[in-house]
Amino acid sequence: MGRHSRPGPPNQPSRAAMYIDAADPLAAYNKRRRPPLDIHRRHRPLHGGGGHLRPDEPRALEQWNGFSYEPAGTAANLSEAQRWVNEQTSGDASAEYG
């Protein structure tokens, strides 16, 4: 196998770019509170299956609370769910880790 600039598939964001302040006593704790793959919001089909299948069916919306994903509501279809996932809010948890 050849050399890679980082491990993992090329379609996933790098987790190595985060700056950790050595003077911060809670740096290790804050690092563990990051969501998987730095995805703070996600959607799942209510009736199971792949996220891209049956785009007209309702979706469950989930948001990272610092420890796990919690339900945040529902969306009527895939396009509404994607719009919710991609919208930026001022209280988004990703501002804490930047």
C-alpha atoms as a PDB file:
ATOM      1  CA  MET A   1       0.000   0.000   0.000  1.00  0.00           C
ATOM      2  CA  GLY A   2       1.122   3.530  -0.691  1.00  0.00           C
ATOM      3  CA  ARG A   3       1.565   6.357   1.730  1.00  0.00           C
ATOM      4  CA  HIS A   4      -1.419   8.369   2.807  1.00  0.00           C
ATOM      5  CA  SER A   5      -1.599  11.885   4.140  1.00  0.00           C
ATOM      6  CA  ARG A   6      -4.050  10.685   6.794  1.00  0.00           C
ATOM      7  CA  PRO A   7      -5.879   7.470   7.632  1.00  0.00           C
ATOM      8  CA  GLY A   8      -9.444   6.874   6.588  1.00  0.00           C
ATOM      9  CA  PRO A   9     -11.535   7.264   3.473  1.00  0.00           C
ATOM     10  CA  PRO A  10     -11.018  10.428   1.400  1.00  0.00           C
ATOM     11  CA  ASN A  11     -14.649  11.522   1.778  1.00  0.00           C
ATOM     12  CA  GLN A  12     -14.396  12.010   5.567  1.00  0.00           C
ATOM     13  CA  PRO A  13     -13.151  15.221   7.186  1.00  0.00           C
ATOM     14  CA  SER A  14      -9.804  15.153   8.933  1.00  0.00           C
ATOM     15  CA  ARG A  15      -9.927  15.015  12.729  1.00  0.00           C
ATOM     16  CA  ALA A  16      -6.241  15.883  13.062  1.00  0.00           C
ATOM     17  CA  ALA A  17      -6.721  19.611  12.399  1.00  0.00           C
ATOM     18  CA  MET A  18      -8.116  20.525  15.822  1.00  0.00           C
ATOM     19  CA  TYR A  19      -5.939  22.809  17.959  1.00  0.00           C
ATOM     20  CA  ILE A  20      -5.670  21.797  21.618  1.00  0.00           C
ATOM     21  CA  ASP A  21      -4.548  24.415  24.110  1.00  0.00           C
ATOM     22  CA  ALA A  22      -1.940  22.875  26.423  1.00  0.00           C
ATOM     23  CA  ALA A  23      -2.796  25.385  29.164  1.00  0.00           C
ATOM     24  CA  ASP A  24      -6.469  24.350  29.212  1.00  0.00           C
ATOM     25  CA  PRO A  25      -7.030  21.779  31.981  1.00  0.00           C
ATOM     26  CA  LEU A  26     -10.205  20.536  30.262  1.00  0.00           C
ATOM     27  CA  ALA A  27      -8.666  20.045  26.802  1.00  0.00           C
ATOM     28  CA  ALA A  28      -8.790  16.237  26.913  1.00  0.00           C
ATOM     29  CA  TYR A  29     -12.380  16.320  28.169  1.00  0.00           C
ATOM     30  CA  ASN A  30     -13.464  18.703  25.389  1.00  0.00           C
ATOM     31  CA  LYS A  31     -11.778  16.506  22.791  1.00  0.00           C
ATOM     32  CA  ARG A  32     -13.804  13.471  23.952  1.00  0.00           C
ATOM     33  CA  ARG A  33     -17.036  15.476  23.707  1.00  0.00           C
ATOM     34  CA  ARG A  34     -16.654  15.980  19.956  1.00  0.00           C
ATOM     35  CA  PRO A  35     -19.270  14.159  17.886  1.00  0.00           C
ATOM     36  CA  PRO A  36     -18.259  11.301  15.586  1.00  0.00           C
ATOM     37  CA  LEU A  37     -16.748  12.715  12.387  1.00  0.00           C
ATOM     38  CA  ASP A  38     -17.588  16.229  13.698  1.00  0.00           C
ATOM     39  CA  ILE A  39     -21.204  15.890  12.561  1.00  0.00           C
ATOM     40  CA  HIS A  40     -23.336  17.895  14.993  1.00  0.00           C
ATOM     41  CA  ARG A  41     -26.651  17.359  13.216  1.00  0.00           C
ATOM     42  CA  ARG A  42     -27.865  14.336  11.282  1.00  0.00           C
ATOM     43  CA  HIS A  43     -31.053  12.796   9.935  1.00  0.00           C
ATOM     44  CA  ARG A  44     -32.270   9.209   9.756  1.00  0.00           C
ATOM     45  CA  PRO A  45     -35.252   7.663   7.916  1.00  0.00           C
ATOM     46  CA  LEU A  46     -38.070   6.908  10.370  1.00  0.00           C
ATOM     47  CA  HIS A  47     -38.710   3.506   8.835  1.00  0.00           C
ATOM     48  CA  GLY A  48     -35.086   2.395   8.509  1.00  0.00           C
ATOM     49  CA  GLY A  49     -33.071   1.786   5.383  1.00  0.00           C
ATOM     50  CA  GLY A  50     -30.550   3.952   3.582  1.00  0.00           C
ATOM     51  CA  GLY A  51     -30.714   7.713   3.949  1.00  0.00           C
ATOM     52  CA  HIS A  52     -30.824   8.254   0.198  1.00  0.00           C
ATOM     53  CA  LEU A  53     -33.683   5.815  -0.434  1.00  0.00           C
ATOM     54  CA  ARG A  54     -37.345   6.897  -0.567  1.00  0.00           C
ATOM     55  CA  PRO A  55     -36.703  10.672  -0.447  1.00  0.00           C
ATOM     56  CA  ASP A  56     -40.413  11.457   0.099  1.00  0.00           C
ATOM     57  CA  GLU A  57     -40.651   9.662   3.459  1.00  0.00           C
ATOM     58  CA  PRO A  58     -40.297  11.435   6.849  1.00  0.00           C
ATOM     59  CA  ARG A  59     -36.948  11.704   8.642  1.00  0.00           C
ATOM     60  CA  ALA A  60     -35.939  11.837  12.300  1.00  0.00           C
ATOM     61  CA  LEU A  61     -33.647  14.780  13.097  1.00  0.00           C
ATOM     62  CA  GLU A  62     -30.898  14.278  15.678  1.00  0.00           C
ATOM     63  CA  GLN A  63     -28.515  16.770  17.261  1.00  0.00           C
ATOM     64  CA  TRP A  64     -25.293  16.174  19.228  1.00  0.00           C
ATOM     65  CA  ASN A  65     -25.623  17.324  22.859  1.00  0.00           C
ATOM     66  CA  GLY A  66     -22.022  16.792  23.927  1.00  0.00           C
ATOM     67  CA  PHE A  67     -22.405  13.129  24.873  1.00  0.00           C
ATOM     68  CA  SER A  68     -24.764  11.489  22.368  1.00  0.00           C
ATOM     69  CA  TYR A  69     -27.274  12.256  19.648  1.00  0.00           C
ATOM     70  CA  GLU A  70     -30.709  13.284  20.908  1.00  0.00           C
ATOM     71  CA  PRO A  71     -33.972  13.663  18.959  1.00  0.00           C
ATOM     72  CA  ALA A  72     -34.541  17.211  17.736  1.00  0.00           C
ATOM     73  CA  GLY A  73     -37.686  16.771  15.653  1.00  0.00           C
ATOM     74  CA  THR A  74     -38.883  15.390  12.340  1.00  0.00           C
ATOM     75  CA  ALA A  75     -38.788  16.496   8.723  1.00  0.00           C
ATOM     76  CA  ALA A  76     -41.402  15.674   6.104  1.00  0.00           C
ATOM     77  CA  ASN A  77     -38.889  14.557   3.456  1.00  0.00           C
ATOM     78  CA  LEU A  78     -35.202  14.261   2.572  1.00  0.00           C
ATOM     79  CA  SER A  79     -34.796  17.803   1.222  1.00  0.00           C
ATOM     80  CA  GLU A  80     -36.196  19.387   4.409  1.00  0.00           C
ATOM     81  CA  ALA A  81     -33.951  17.159   6.528  1.00  0.00           C
ATOM     82  CA  GLN A  82     -30.861  18.128   4.517  1.00  0.00           C
ATOM     83  CA  ARG A  83     -31.784  21.803   4.786  1.00  0.00           C
ATOM     84  CA  TRP A  84     -32.034  21.464   8.596  1.00  0.00           C
ATOM     85  CA  VAL A  85     -28.697  19.642   8.820  1.00  0.00           C
ATOM     86  CA  ASN A  86     -26.909  22.286   6.742  1.00  0.00           C
ATOM     87  CA  GLU A  87     -28.376  25.427   8.321  1.00  0.00           C
ATOM     88  CA  GLN A  88     -26.067  27.392  10.603  1.00  0.00           C
ATOM     89  CA  THR A  89     -27.358  28.536  13.964  1.00  0.00           C
ATOM     90  CA  SER A  90     -25.659  30.911  16.371  1.00  0.00           C
ATOM     91  CA  GLY A  91     -25.968  28.394  19.232  1.00  0.00           C
ATOM     92  CA  ASP A  92     -24.392  25.528  17.282  1.00  0.00           C
ATOM     93  CA  ALA A  93     -22.078  23.370  19.420  1.00  0.00           C
ATOM     94  CA  SER A  94     -19.386  23.403  16.709  1.00  0.00           C
ATOM     95  CA  ALA A  95     -18.448  26.956  17.779  1.00  0.00           C
ATOM     96  CA  GLU A  96     -17.109  25.524  21.066  1.00  0.00           C
ATOM     97  CA  TYR A  97     -14.534  23.322  19.350  1.00  0.00           C
ATOM     98  CA  GLY A  98     -13.225  25.685  16.674  1.00  0.00           C
END
